[in-house]
Amino acid sequence: MFHPLARASLGEAAWLAKVVACELGTTFQVPSFLYGAAHEEGRRADAIRRELGYFKPNFGGNQWVGRLNPESLALKPDEGPDPVDPTKGVVVTGATPWVDSFNIPIFSSDLAAVRGIARRVSGRGGGLPSVQVMALAHNETVVEVACYLLDPNKVGGDRVQVEVERLAKEEGMTVAKGYFTGLSQENTIRTYLRLVSFV
C-alpha cells in the first residue's frame, strides 16, 4: 500500500505501486493486482480480496481464509502469471490517500453478533462514512472489530470507538480500548525524517 506523504502526490504513489507490481509480476513471476489510484478504474482492495475468495470463512466459520485456487484465479492479474505458484501467492498493491488501521476488541465469543456490530459501523452497511469494517475472532473470548479508516481526518479511531461501544452496549458486551495497528501519518513522517537525518 503506497500513500503520498508530505508533498508527494497520489499520482507519484500510484506510479510507484505500478512499478512494484510490474517488477514482482515480471521478474519474480508473482501475480500482482492493482487497486486505488494505481488501477485505471480505481478498483478497491477489498473488491479484489472478495473476488479472489479471501473473505470466505474456514471450516469452523470463525477465521477468514486467504487460500487461492492455484490452477486458476477468479480475477486476471494486472501483472504476472496466472496460474499461481502456491509457494509465492499473489500481491495486491495500490495507492490511496493515507489509511489508518484501527482494531477494537470486544469481549465476546458471539462472532455473529460482533459481525452485526461491524456491519452497522461500516460505511458500506450505512454506518460511519469512509470506514471499512470486519469482525475477526481473536481467540475464544475476544472478537475484534478491525477497521480501515479511509479518511482518518474525517472519521478517526475515537469516533469509531464511541460507535462500537454504543452498539456493543445494546448487545450487553464489554469493549476494550481500540488500538492502531501501525504508525499514524504524522509518526510515519517523523520516523522517516529521524532516519534520514542519520544519513
N, C-alpha and C. Protein backbone atom coordinates (compact mmCIF):
# COMPACT_ATOMS: atom_id res chain seq x y z
N MET A 1 0.85 -1.16 0.00
CA MET A 1 0.00 0.00 0.00
C MET A 1 0.90 1.23 0.00
N PHE A 2 0.72 2.08 -0.98
CA PHE A 2 1.52 3.30 -1.09
C PHE A 2 0.63 4.51 -0.83
N HIS A 3 1.10 5.39 0.04
CA HIS A 3 0.38 6.62 0.37
C HIS A 3 1.30 7.80 0.12
N PRO A 4 0.77 8.88 -0.43
CA PRO A 4 1.59 10.09 -0.55
C PRO A 4 1.75 10.74 0.83
N LEU A 5 2.97 11.05 1.18
CA LEU A 5 3.24 11.73 2.45
C LEU A 5 3.85 13.09 2.16
N ALA A 6 3.61 14.02 3.06
CA ALA A 6 4.14 15.38 2.96
C ALA A 6 3.77 15.98 1.60
N ARG A 7 4.76 16.29 0.75
CA ARG A 7 4.48 16.96 -0.53
C ARG A 7 4.34 16.00 -1.70
N ALA A 8 4.43 14.72 -1.46
CA ALA A 8 4.27 13.74 -2.55
C ALA A 8 2.81 13.73 -3.01
N SER A 9 2.59 13.38 -4.27
CA SER A 9 1.23 13.34 -4.82
C SER A 9 0.72 11.90 -4.88
N LEU A 10 -0.59 11.78 -4.99
CA LEU A 10 -1.19 10.46 -5.16
C LEU A 10 -0.75 9.84 -6.48
N GLY A 11 -0.55 10.68 -7.50
CA GLY A 11 -0.05 10.19 -8.79
C GLY A 11 1.33 9.56 -8.67
N GLU A 12 2.19 10.17 -7.87
CA GLU A 12 3.54 9.61 -7.65
C GLU A 12 3.45 8.28 -6.91
N ALA A 13 2.58 8.20 -5.91
CA ALA A 13 2.40 6.95 -5.18
C ALA A 13 1.85 5.87 -6.11
N ALA A 14 0.92 6.24 -7.00
CA ALA A 14 0.36 5.28 -7.96
C ALA A 14 1.43 4.78 -8.92
N TRP A 15 2.27 5.67 -9.40
CA TRP A 15 3.36 5.28 -10.30
C TRP A 15 4.26 4.25 -9.61
N LEU A 16 4.62 4.52 -8.35
CA LEU A 16 5.49 3.61 -7.61
C LEU A 16 4.81 2.25 -7.42
N ALA A 17 3.52 2.24 -7.10
CA ALA A 17 2.79 0.97 -6.94
C ALA A 17 2.80 0.17 -8.24
N LYS A 18 2.62 0.85 -9.37
CA LYS A 18 2.64 0.17 -10.67
C LYS A 18 4.02 -0.42 -10.97
N VAL A 19 5.07 0.33 -10.66
CA VAL A 19 6.44 -0.16 -10.89
C VAL A 19 6.69 -1.41 -10.05
N VAL A 20 6.29 -1.37 -8.79
CA VAL A 20 6.50 -2.53 -7.90
C VAL A 20 5.70 -3.73 -8.41
N ALA A 21 4.44 -3.53 -8.79
CA ALA A 21 3.62 -4.63 -9.31
C ALA A 21 4.22 -5.23 -10.57
N CYS A 22 4.72 -4.37 -11.45
CA CYS A 22 5.34 -4.84 -12.70
C CYS A 22 6.60 -5.65 -12.40
N GLU A 23 7.42 -5.15 -11.50
CA GLU A 23 8.66 -5.84 -11.14
C GLU A 23 8.36 -7.21 -10.51
N LEU A 24 7.41 -7.24 -9.58
CA LEU A 24 7.05 -8.51 -8.94
C LEU A 24 6.45 -9.48 -9.95
N GLY A 25 5.61 -8.98 -10.84
CA GLY A 25 4.98 -9.84 -11.83
C GLY A 25 5.93 -10.35 -12.88
N THR A 26 6.84 -9.48 -13.33
CA THR A 26 7.76 -9.84 -14.42
C THR A 26 8.99 -10.58 -13.91
N THR A 27 9.70 -9.98 -12.99
CA THR A 27 10.96 -10.56 -12.51
C THR A 27 10.75 -11.78 -11.62
N PHE A 28 9.78 -11.69 -10.71
CA PHE A 28 9.59 -12.76 -9.73
C PHE A 28 8.41 -13.67 -10.05
N GLN A 29 7.68 -13.37 -11.15
CA GLN A 29 6.56 -14.21 -11.59
C GLN A 29 5.51 -14.40 -10.49
N VAL A 30 5.17 -13.30 -9.83
CA VAL A 30 4.12 -13.30 -8.81
C VAL A 30 2.92 -12.53 -9.37
N PRO A 31 1.74 -13.15 -9.46
CA PRO A 31 0.57 -12.42 -9.93
C PRO A 31 0.34 -11.19 -9.06
N SER A 32 0.18 -10.04 -9.70
CA SER A 32 0.05 -8.77 -8.97
C SER A 32 -1.23 -8.05 -9.40
N PHE A 33 -1.97 -7.60 -8.41
CA PHE A 33 -3.24 -6.89 -8.63
C PHE A 33 -3.10 -5.46 -8.14
N LEU A 34 -3.60 -4.52 -8.93
CA LEU A 34 -3.54 -3.10 -8.59
C LEU A 34 -4.89 -2.61 -8.08
N TYR A 35 -4.84 -1.63 -7.17
CA TYR A 35 -6.08 -1.02 -6.68
C TYR A 35 -5.87 0.47 -6.44
N GLY A 36 -6.96 1.14 -6.16
CA GLY A 36 -6.90 2.58 -5.87
C GLY A 36 -6.44 3.37 -7.08
N ALA A 37 -5.63 4.39 -6.84
CA ALA A 37 -5.16 5.27 -7.91
C ALA A 37 -4.23 4.55 -8.88
N ALA A 38 -3.68 3.41 -8.49
CA ALA A 38 -2.79 2.66 -9.38
C ALA A 38 -3.57 1.86 -10.43
N HIS A 39 -4.86 1.66 -10.20
CA HIS A 39 -5.71 0.91 -11.13
C HIS A 39 -6.51 1.89 -11.97
N GLU A 40 -6.61 1.62 -13.27
CA GLU A 40 -7.26 2.58 -14.18
C GLU A 40 -8.72 2.86 -13.84
N GLU A 41 -9.40 1.91 -13.19
CA GLU A 41 -10.80 2.12 -12.81
C GLU A 41 -10.95 2.38 -11.31
N GLY A 42 -9.83 2.51 -10.59
CA GLY A 42 -9.89 2.80 -9.16
C GLY A 42 -10.41 1.66 -8.32
N ARG A 43 -10.22 0.43 -8.78
CA ARG A 43 -10.71 -0.75 -8.07
C ARG A 43 -10.27 -0.71 -6.60
N ARG A 44 -11.14 -1.21 -5.71
CA ARG A 44 -10.84 -1.22 -4.27
C ARG A 44 -10.14 -2.52 -3.88
N ALA A 45 -9.28 -2.44 -2.88
CA ALA A 45 -8.55 -3.62 -2.40
C ALA A 45 -9.51 -4.69 -1.88
N ASP A 46 -10.54 -4.28 -1.15
CA ASP A 46 -11.47 -5.28 -0.62
C ASP A 46 -12.25 -5.98 -1.74
N ALA A 47 -12.48 -5.29 -2.86
CA ALA A 47 -13.15 -5.92 -4.00
C ALA A 47 -12.28 -7.03 -4.59
N ILE A 48 -10.97 -6.78 -4.66
CA ILE A 48 -10.04 -7.81 -5.15
C ILE A 48 -10.07 -9.02 -4.21
N ARG A 49 -9.98 -8.75 -2.91
CA ARG A 49 -9.98 -9.85 -1.94
C ARG A 49 -11.27 -10.66 -2.03
N ARG A 50 -12.39 -9.98 -2.19
CA ARG A 50 -13.66 -10.71 -2.31
C ARG A 50 -13.67 -11.59 -3.56
N GLU A 51 -13.25 -11.03 -4.69
CA GLU A 51 -13.25 -11.81 -5.94
C GLU A 51 -12.31 -13.00 -5.88
N LEU A 52 -11.21 -12.86 -5.14
CA LEU A 52 -10.25 -13.96 -5.01
C LEU A 52 -10.66 -14.96 -3.93
N GLY A 53 -11.74 -14.67 -3.20
CA GLY A 53 -12.21 -15.60 -2.18
C GLY A 53 -11.57 -15.44 -0.83
N TYR A 54 -10.93 -14.30 -0.58
CA TYR A 54 -10.23 -14.10 0.69
C TYR A 54 -11.19 -14.06 1.87
N PHE A 55 -12.39 -13.57 1.68
CA PHE A 55 -13.32 -13.38 2.78
C PHE A 55 -14.24 -14.56 3.03
N LYS A 56 -13.82 -15.76 2.63
CA LYS A 56 -14.61 -16.95 2.91
C LYS A 56 -14.17 -17.52 4.26
N PRO A 57 -15.13 -17.88 5.13
CA PRO A 57 -14.75 -18.43 6.43
C PRO A 57 -14.16 -19.83 6.29
N ASN A 58 -13.30 -20.18 7.26
CA ASN A 58 -12.70 -21.51 7.25
C ASN A 58 -13.74 -22.56 7.69
N PHE A 59 -13.28 -23.79 7.87
CA PHE A 59 -14.20 -24.88 8.21
C PHE A 59 -14.95 -24.64 9.50
N GLY A 60 -14.35 -23.93 10.45
CA GLY A 60 -15.03 -23.63 11.71
C GLY A 60 -15.90 -22.40 11.60
N GLY A 61 -15.74 -21.65 10.51
CA GLY A 61 -16.54 -20.46 10.30
C GLY A 61 -16.09 -19.25 11.08
N ASN A 62 -14.96 -19.35 11.79
CA ASN A 62 -14.55 -18.25 12.65
C ASN A 62 -13.47 -17.36 12.07
N GLN A 63 -12.60 -17.91 11.29
CA GLN A 63 -11.50 -17.12 10.74
C GLN A 63 -11.65 -17.04 9.23
N TRP A 64 -11.11 -15.98 8.67
CA TRP A 64 -11.16 -15.82 7.21
C TRP A 64 -10.02 -16.60 6.59
N VAL A 65 -10.27 -17.16 5.43
CA VAL A 65 -9.28 -17.94 4.73
C VAL A 65 -8.79 -17.14 3.53
N GLY A 66 -7.47 -17.05 3.39
CA GLY A 66 -6.90 -16.35 2.26
C GLY A 66 -6.34 -17.29 1.22
N ARG A 67 -6.83 -18.51 1.18
CA ARG A 67 -6.32 -19.52 0.26
C ARG A 67 -6.86 -19.31 -1.14
N LEU A 68 -6.00 -19.51 -2.13
CA LEU A 68 -6.38 -19.33 -3.53
C LEU A 68 -6.38 -20.66 -4.26
N ASN A 69 -7.12 -20.71 -5.35
CA ASN A 69 -7.06 -21.86 -6.24
C ASN A 69 -5.83 -21.66 -7.13
N PRO A 70 -4.77 -22.47 -6.95
CA PRO A 70 -3.54 -22.23 -7.71
C PRO A 70 -3.68 -22.48 -9.21
N GLU A 71 -4.66 -23.28 -9.62
CA GLU A 71 -4.82 -23.56 -11.05
C GLU A 71 -5.33 -22.36 -11.83
N SER A 72 -6.26 -21.65 -11.24
CA SER A 72 -6.87 -20.54 -11.96
C SER A 72 -7.41 -19.51 -10.98
N LEU A 73 -7.03 -18.27 -11.18
CA LEU A 73 -7.52 -17.18 -10.35
C LEU A 73 -8.89 -16.73 -10.84
N ALA A 74 -9.73 -16.30 -9.92
CA ALA A 74 -11.06 -15.81 -10.29
C ALA A 74 -10.98 -14.43 -10.96
N LEU A 75 -9.82 -13.82 -10.90
CA LEU A 75 -9.61 -12.48 -11.43
C LEU A 75 -8.27 -12.46 -12.15
N LYS A 76 -8.22 -11.85 -13.32
CA LYS A 76 -6.96 -11.79 -14.08
C LYS A 76 -6.01 -10.79 -13.42
N PRO A 77 -4.75 -11.19 -13.16
CA PRO A 77 -3.80 -10.25 -12.55
C PRO A 77 -3.47 -9.10 -13.51
N ASP A 78 -3.16 -7.95 -12.94
CA ASP A 78 -2.72 -6.81 -13.75
C ASP A 78 -1.31 -7.03 -14.28
N GLU A 79 -0.52 -7.74 -13.52
CA GLU A 79 0.86 -8.09 -13.90
C GLU A 79 1.13 -9.51 -13.45
N GLY A 80 2.02 -10.20 -14.15
CA GLY A 80 2.44 -11.52 -13.73
C GLY A 80 1.55 -12.64 -14.26
N PRO A 81 1.91 -13.87 -13.88
CA PRO A 81 1.26 -15.05 -14.44
C PRO A 81 -0.07 -15.39 -13.79
N ASP A 82 -0.82 -16.21 -14.50
CA ASP A 82 -1.97 -16.91 -13.96
C ASP A 82 -1.84 -18.29 -14.60
N PRO A 83 -1.58 -19.34 -13.95
CA PRO A 83 -1.90 -19.68 -12.58
C PRO A 83 -0.89 -19.20 -11.54
N VAL A 84 -1.24 -19.45 -10.29
CA VAL A 84 -0.43 -19.04 -9.15
C VAL A 84 0.53 -20.14 -8.76
N ASP A 85 1.76 -19.76 -8.46
CA ASP A 85 2.71 -20.68 -7.84
C ASP A 85 2.37 -20.66 -6.34
N PRO A 86 1.91 -21.79 -5.79
CA PRO A 86 1.49 -21.80 -4.38
C PRO A 86 2.59 -21.41 -3.40
N THR A 87 3.85 -21.50 -3.81
CA THR A 87 4.94 -21.10 -2.91
C THR A 87 5.13 -19.58 -2.91
N LYS A 88 4.50 -18.88 -3.87
CA LYS A 88 4.66 -17.42 -3.96
C LYS A 88 3.39 -16.65 -3.64
N GLY A 89 2.23 -17.21 -3.92
CA GLY A 89 0.98 -16.50 -3.67
C GLY A 89 0.76 -15.37 -4.66
N VAL A 90 0.05 -14.34 -4.22
CA VAL A 90 -0.24 -13.17 -5.05
C VAL A 90 0.09 -11.91 -4.25
N VAL A 91 0.18 -10.79 -4.96
CA VAL A 91 0.43 -9.50 -4.33
C VAL A 91 -0.71 -8.56 -4.73
N VAL A 92 -1.21 -7.82 -3.76
CA VAL A 92 -2.20 -6.78 -4.00
C VAL A 92 -1.54 -5.47 -3.58
N THR A 93 -1.33 -4.58 -4.53
CA THR A 93 -0.66 -3.31 -4.22
C THR A 93 -1.39 -2.17 -4.90
N GLY A 94 -1.36 -1.03 -4.25
CA GLY A 94 -2.06 0.11 -4.81
C GLY A 94 -1.64 1.40 -4.16
N ALA A 95 -2.34 2.45 -4.51
CA ALA A 95 -2.06 3.78 -3.97
C ALA A 95 -3.38 4.43 -3.57
N THR A 96 -3.39 4.92 -2.35
CA THR A 96 -4.57 5.62 -1.83
C THR A 96 -4.08 6.75 -0.94
N PRO A 97 -4.96 7.70 -0.66
CA PRO A 97 -4.61 8.63 0.41
C PRO A 97 -4.38 7.83 1.69
N TRP A 98 -3.83 8.46 2.70
CA TRP A 98 -3.48 7.78 3.95
C TRP A 98 -4.67 7.01 4.52
N VAL A 99 -4.42 5.78 5.00
CA VAL A 99 -5.42 4.94 5.65
C VAL A 99 -4.88 4.52 7.01
N ASP A 100 -5.70 4.65 8.05
CA ASP A 100 -5.34 4.13 9.36
C ASP A 100 -6.02 2.78 9.57
N SER A 101 -5.33 1.86 10.22
CA SER A 101 -5.90 0.57 10.61
C SER A 101 -6.13 0.61 12.12
N PHE A 102 -7.36 0.37 12.54
CA PHE A 102 -7.75 0.52 13.94
C PHE A 102 -8.58 -0.68 14.34
N ASN A 103 -8.19 -1.37 15.40
CA ASN A 103 -8.91 -2.56 15.87
C ASN A 103 -9.48 -2.31 17.26
N ILE A 104 -10.68 -2.83 17.48
CA ILE A 104 -11.34 -2.69 18.79
C ILE A 104 -11.73 -4.08 19.28
N PRO A 105 -11.13 -4.55 20.39
CA PRO A 105 -11.50 -5.85 20.96
C PRO A 105 -12.85 -5.78 21.68
N ILE A 106 -13.68 -6.78 21.44
CA ILE A 106 -14.94 -6.94 22.16
C ILE A 106 -14.87 -8.28 22.89
N PHE A 107 -15.14 -8.25 24.19
CA PHE A 107 -15.08 -9.47 24.99
C PHE A 107 -16.36 -10.27 24.77
N SER A 108 -16.29 -11.16 23.80
CA SER A 108 -17.43 -11.99 23.45
C SER A 108 -16.95 -13.16 22.60
N SER A 109 -17.69 -14.24 22.66
CA SER A 109 -17.42 -15.37 21.76
C SER A 109 -18.49 -15.45 20.68
N ASP A 110 -19.41 -14.49 20.68
CA ASP A 110 -20.52 -14.48 19.73
C ASP A 110 -20.10 -13.74 18.45
N LEU A 111 -19.44 -14.49 17.56
CA LEU A 111 -18.93 -13.90 16.33
C LEU A 111 -20.04 -13.30 15.48
N ALA A 112 -21.18 -13.96 15.42
CA ALA A 112 -22.30 -13.45 14.60
C ALA A 112 -22.77 -12.09 15.11
N ALA A 113 -22.88 -11.93 16.42
CA ALA A 113 -23.32 -10.65 16.98
C ALA A 113 -22.31 -9.55 16.70
N VAL A 114 -21.01 -9.87 16.83
CA VAL A 114 -19.98 -8.86 16.56
C VAL A 114 -19.93 -8.53 15.07
N ARG A 115 -20.19 -9.52 14.23
CA ARG A 115 -20.29 -9.22 12.79
C ARG A 115 -21.43 -8.24 12.52
N GLY A 116 -22.52 -8.39 13.25
CA GLY A 116 -23.64 -7.46 13.12
C GLY A 116 -23.23 -6.05 13.52
N ILE A 117 -22.45 -5.93 14.58
CA ILE A 117 -21.94 -4.62 15.01
C ILE A 117 -21.03 -4.05 13.93
N ALA A 118 -20.13 -4.88 13.42
CA ALA A 118 -19.20 -4.43 12.38
C ALA A 118 -19.97 -3.93 11.16
N ARG A 119 -21.00 -4.65 10.77
CA ARG A 119 -21.81 -4.25 9.61
C ARG A 119 -22.45 -2.89 9.84
N ARG A 120 -22.95 -2.65 11.06
CA ARG A 120 -23.63 -1.39 11.37
C ARG A 120 -22.65 -0.22 11.48
N VAL A 121 -21.39 -0.51 11.80
CA VAL A 121 -20.38 0.55 11.90
C VAL A 121 -19.86 0.94 10.52
N SER A 122 -19.78 -0.02 9.61
CA SER A 122 -19.14 0.24 8.31
C SER A 122 -19.96 1.18 7.43
N GLY A 123 -19.24 1.96 6.63
CA GLY A 123 -19.89 2.84 5.67
C GLY A 123 -20.73 2.04 4.69
N ARG A 124 -20.25 0.89 4.30
CA ARG A 124 -20.97 0.02 3.36
C ARG A 124 -22.31 -0.44 3.93
N GLY A 125 -22.37 -0.57 5.26
CA GLY A 125 -23.61 -1.00 5.92
C GLY A 125 -24.48 0.15 6.39
N GLY A 126 -24.15 1.38 5.97
CA GLY A 126 -24.94 2.54 6.35
C GLY A 126 -24.45 3.22 7.62
N GLY A 127 -23.29 2.81 8.12
CA GLY A 127 -22.74 3.40 9.34
C GLY A 127 -21.87 4.60 9.07
N LEU A 128 -20.68 4.58 9.62
CA LEU A 128 -19.76 5.71 9.51
C LEU A 128 -19.17 5.79 8.10
N PRO A 129 -19.23 6.96 7.48
CA PRO A 129 -18.67 7.08 6.13
C PRO A 129 -17.16 6.88 6.13
N SER A 130 -16.65 6.33 5.07
CA SER A 130 -15.22 6.10 4.84
C SER A 130 -14.59 5.13 5.84
N VAL A 131 -15.41 4.23 6.40
CA VAL A 131 -14.90 3.22 7.33
C VAL A 131 -15.26 1.84 6.78
N GLN A 132 -14.24 1.00 6.59
CA GLN A 132 -14.44 -0.40 6.20
C GLN A 132 -14.19 -1.26 7.42
N VAL A 133 -15.07 -2.22 7.69
CA VAL A 133 -15.00 -2.97 8.94
C VAL A 133 -15.26 -4.45 8.69
N MET A 134 -14.59 -5.29 9.47
CA MET A 134 -14.93 -6.71 9.52
C MET A 134 -14.65 -7.22 10.93
N ALA A 135 -15.34 -8.28 11.32
CA ALA A 135 -15.15 -8.90 12.63
C ALA A 135 -14.24 -10.10 12.47
N LEU A 136 -13.24 -10.18 13.34
CA LEU A 136 -12.27 -11.28 13.30
C LEU A 136 -12.16 -11.91 14.69
N ALA A 137 -12.34 -13.23 14.77
CA ALA A 137 -12.17 -13.93 16.04
C ALA A 137 -10.70 -13.84 16.43
N HIS A 138 -10.44 -13.24 17.58
CA HIS A 138 -9.06 -13.07 18.06
C HIS A 138 -8.65 -14.30 18.87
N ASN A 139 -9.53 -14.75 19.73
CA ASN A 139 -9.35 -16.00 20.47
C ASN A 139 -10.75 -16.45 20.90
N GLU A 140 -10.83 -17.37 21.85
CA GLU A 140 -12.14 -17.92 22.22
C GLU A 140 -13.03 -16.94 22.95
N THR A 141 -12.45 -15.88 23.52
CA THR A 141 -13.25 -14.94 24.31
C THR A 141 -13.24 -13.51 23.78
N VAL A 142 -12.53 -13.27 22.68
CA VAL A 142 -12.44 -11.92 22.13
C VAL A 142 -12.63 -11.96 20.61
N VAL A 143 -13.51 -11.09 20.14
CA VAL A 143 -13.67 -10.86 18.70
C VAL A 143 -13.30 -9.41 18.46
N GLU A 144 -12.47 -9.16 17.46
CA GLU A 144 -12.06 -7.79 17.18
C GLU A 144 -12.84 -7.21 16.02
N VAL A 145 -13.20 -5.95 16.17
CA VAL A 145 -13.77 -5.18 15.07
C VAL A 145 -12.57 -4.50 14.42
N ALA A 146 -12.18 -4.99 13.24
CA ALA A 146 -11.00 -4.50 12.52
C ALA A 146 -11.45 -3.48 11.48
N CYS A 147 -10.86 -2.28 11.54
CA CYS A 147 -11.32 -1.16 10.71
C CYS A 147 -10.21 -0.58 9.85
N TYR A 148 -10.57 -0.23 8.63
CA TYR A 148 -9.76 0.66 7.80
C TYR A 148 -10.45 2.01 7.84
N LEU A 149 -9.73 3.02 8.30
CA LEU A 149 -10.25 4.39 8.32
C LEU A 149 -9.73 5.07 7.06
N LEU A 150 -10.58 5.13 6.03
CA LEU A 150 -10.16 5.60 4.72
C LEU A 150 -9.94 7.10 4.67
N ASP A 151 -10.54 7.84 5.57
CA ASP A 151 -10.33 9.28 5.66
C ASP A 151 -10.24 9.64 7.14
N PRO A 152 -9.08 9.33 7.77
CA PRO A 152 -8.96 9.49 9.22
C PRO A 152 -9.09 10.92 9.71
N ASN A 153 -8.97 11.90 8.82
CA ASN A 153 -9.19 13.29 9.23
C ASN A 153 -10.67 13.59 9.43
N LYS A 154 -11.54 12.81 8.80
CA LYS A 154 -12.99 12.99 8.95
C LYS A 154 -13.58 12.04 9.99
N VAL A 155 -13.18 10.78 9.92
CA VAL A 155 -13.66 9.78 10.89
C VAL A 155 -12.44 9.07 11.45
N GLY A 156 -12.11 9.39 12.69
CA GLY A 156 -10.94 8.81 13.34
C GLY A 156 -11.30 7.66 14.26
N GLY A 157 -10.28 7.08 14.85
CA GLY A 157 -10.46 5.95 15.75
C GLY A 157 -11.35 6.27 16.94
N ASP A 158 -11.27 7.51 17.45
CA ASP A 158 -12.08 7.88 18.61
C ASP A 158 -13.57 7.80 18.29
N ARG A 159 -13.95 8.24 17.11
CA ARG A 159 -15.36 8.20 16.72
C ARG A 159 -15.83 6.76 16.51
N VAL A 160 -14.98 5.93 15.93
CA VAL A 160 -15.32 4.51 15.74
C VAL A 160 -15.46 3.83 17.10
N GLN A 161 -14.55 4.15 18.02
CA GLN A 161 -14.60 3.58 19.37
C GLN A 161 -15.95 3.86 20.03
N VAL A 162 -16.39 5.11 19.97
CA VAL A 162 -17.66 5.50 20.58
C VAL A 162 -18.82 4.72 19.97
N GLU A 163 -18.82 4.59 18.65
CA GLU A 163 -19.91 3.89 17.96
C GLU A 163 -19.91 2.40 18.30
N VAL A 164 -18.74 1.77 18.33
CA VAL A 164 -18.67 0.35 18.68
C VAL A 164 -19.12 0.14 20.13
N GLU A 165 -18.70 1.02 21.03
CA GLU A 165 -19.13 0.91 22.43
C GLU A 165 -20.65 1.02 22.55
N ARG A 166 -21.24 1.95 21.82
CA ARG A 166 -22.69 2.15 21.86
C ARG A 166 -23.42 0.90 21.38
N LEU A 167 -22.99 0.36 20.24
CA LEU A 167 -23.65 -0.82 19.68
C LEU A 167 -23.42 -2.06 20.53
N ALA A 168 -22.21 -2.22 21.06
CA ALA A 168 -21.91 -3.38 21.91
C ALA A 168 -22.71 -3.33 23.20
N LYS A 169 -22.91 -2.14 23.74
CA LYS A 169 -23.71 -1.99 24.96
C LYS A 169 -25.13 -2.50 24.73
N GLU A 170 -25.68 -2.22 23.55
CA GLU A 170 -27.02 -2.72 23.20
C GLU A 170 -27.07 -4.25 23.23
N GLU A 171 -25.93 -4.89 22.95
CA GLU A 171 -25.84 -6.35 22.93
C GLU A 171 -25.38 -6.92 24.27
N GLY A 172 -25.13 -6.04 25.26
CA GLY A 172 -24.66 -6.48 26.57
C GLY A 172 -23.21 -6.92 26.57
N MET A 173 -22.40 -6.37 25.66
CA MET A 173 -20.99 -6.76 25.54
C MET A 173 -20.07 -5.67 26.08
N THR A 174 -18.90 -6.10 26.54
CA THR A 174 -17.87 -5.19 27.04
C THR A 174 -16.84 -4.97 25.95
N VAL A 175 -16.40 -3.73 25.83
CA VAL A 175 -15.45 -3.34 24.78
C VAL A 175 -14.16 -2.84 25.41
N ALA A 176 -13.03 -3.27 24.88
CA ALA A 176 -11.73 -2.76 25.33
C ALA A 176 -11.36 -1.53 24.50
N LYS A 177 -10.32 -0.85 24.92
CA LYS A 177 -9.85 0.32 24.17
C LYS A 177 -9.24 -0.14 22.86
N GLY A 178 -9.62 0.52 21.78
CA GLY A 178 -9.08 0.20 20.47
C GLY A 178 -7.63 0.63 20.33
N TYR A 179 -6.98 0.11 19.31
CA TYR A 179 -5.57 0.43 19.08
C TYR A 179 -5.28 0.49 17.59
N PHE A 180 -4.31 1.32 17.23
CA PHE A 180 -3.87 1.42 15.85
C PHE A 180 -2.86 0.31 15.58
N THR A 181 -2.94 -0.31 14.41
CA THR A 181 -2.04 -1.42 14.10
C THR A 181 -0.75 -0.96 13.44
N GLY A 182 -0.63 0.29 13.15
CA GLY A 182 0.59 0.84 12.55
C GLY A 182 0.78 2.26 13.02
N LEU A 183 1.75 2.93 12.44
CA LEU A 183 2.01 4.31 12.79
C LEU A 183 0.99 5.24 12.15
N SER A 184 0.72 6.35 12.81
CA SER A 184 -0.11 7.38 12.20
C SER A 184 0.69 8.05 11.09
N GLN A 185 0.01 8.83 10.28
CA GLN A 185 0.69 9.55 9.20
C GLN A 185 1.78 10.47 9.78
N GLU A 186 1.46 11.19 10.83
CA GLU A 186 2.43 12.11 11.43
C GLU A 186 3.64 11.36 11.99
N ASN A 187 3.39 10.23 12.67
CA ASN A 187 4.50 9.45 13.23
C ASN A 187 5.35 8.82 12.13
N THR A 188 4.73 8.44 11.02
CA THR A 188 5.48 7.88 9.90
C THR A 188 6.44 8.93 9.33
N ILE A 189 5.94 10.13 9.12
CA ILE A 189 6.79 11.21 8.61
C ILE A 189 7.90 11.53 9.60
N ARG A 190 7.55 11.63 10.88
CA ARG A 190 8.54 11.94 11.92
C ARG A 190 9.63 10.86 11.96
N THR A 191 9.23 9.59 11.89
CA THR A 191 10.20 8.49 11.91
C THR A 191 11.11 8.55 10.69
N TYR A 192 10.53 8.80 9.52
CA TYR A 192 11.32 8.92 8.30
C TYR A 192 12.34 10.05 8.41
N LEU A 193 11.90 11.21 8.87
CA LEU A 193 12.81 12.35 8.99
C LEU A 193 13.93 12.07 9.98
N ARG A 194 13.60 11.36 11.05
CA ARG A 194 14.63 11.00 12.03
C ARG A 194 15.64 10.04 11.40
N LEU A 195 15.16 9.08 10.61
CA LEU A 195 16.07 8.12 9.97
C LEU A 195 16.98 8.79 8.94
N VAL A 196 16.43 9.67 8.10
CA VAL A 196 17.27 10.31 7.08
C VAL A 196 18.22 11.33 7.67
N SER A 197 17.95 11.80 8.88
CA SER A 197 18.88 12.75 9.49
C SER A 197 20.18 12.07 9.91
N PHE A 198 20.16 10.72 10.03
CA PHE A 198 21.37 9.98 10.38
C PHE A 198 22.23 9.67 9.17
N VAL A 199 21.70 9.86 7.97
CA VAL A 199 22.42 9.50 6.74
C VAL A 199 23.38 10.60 6.36
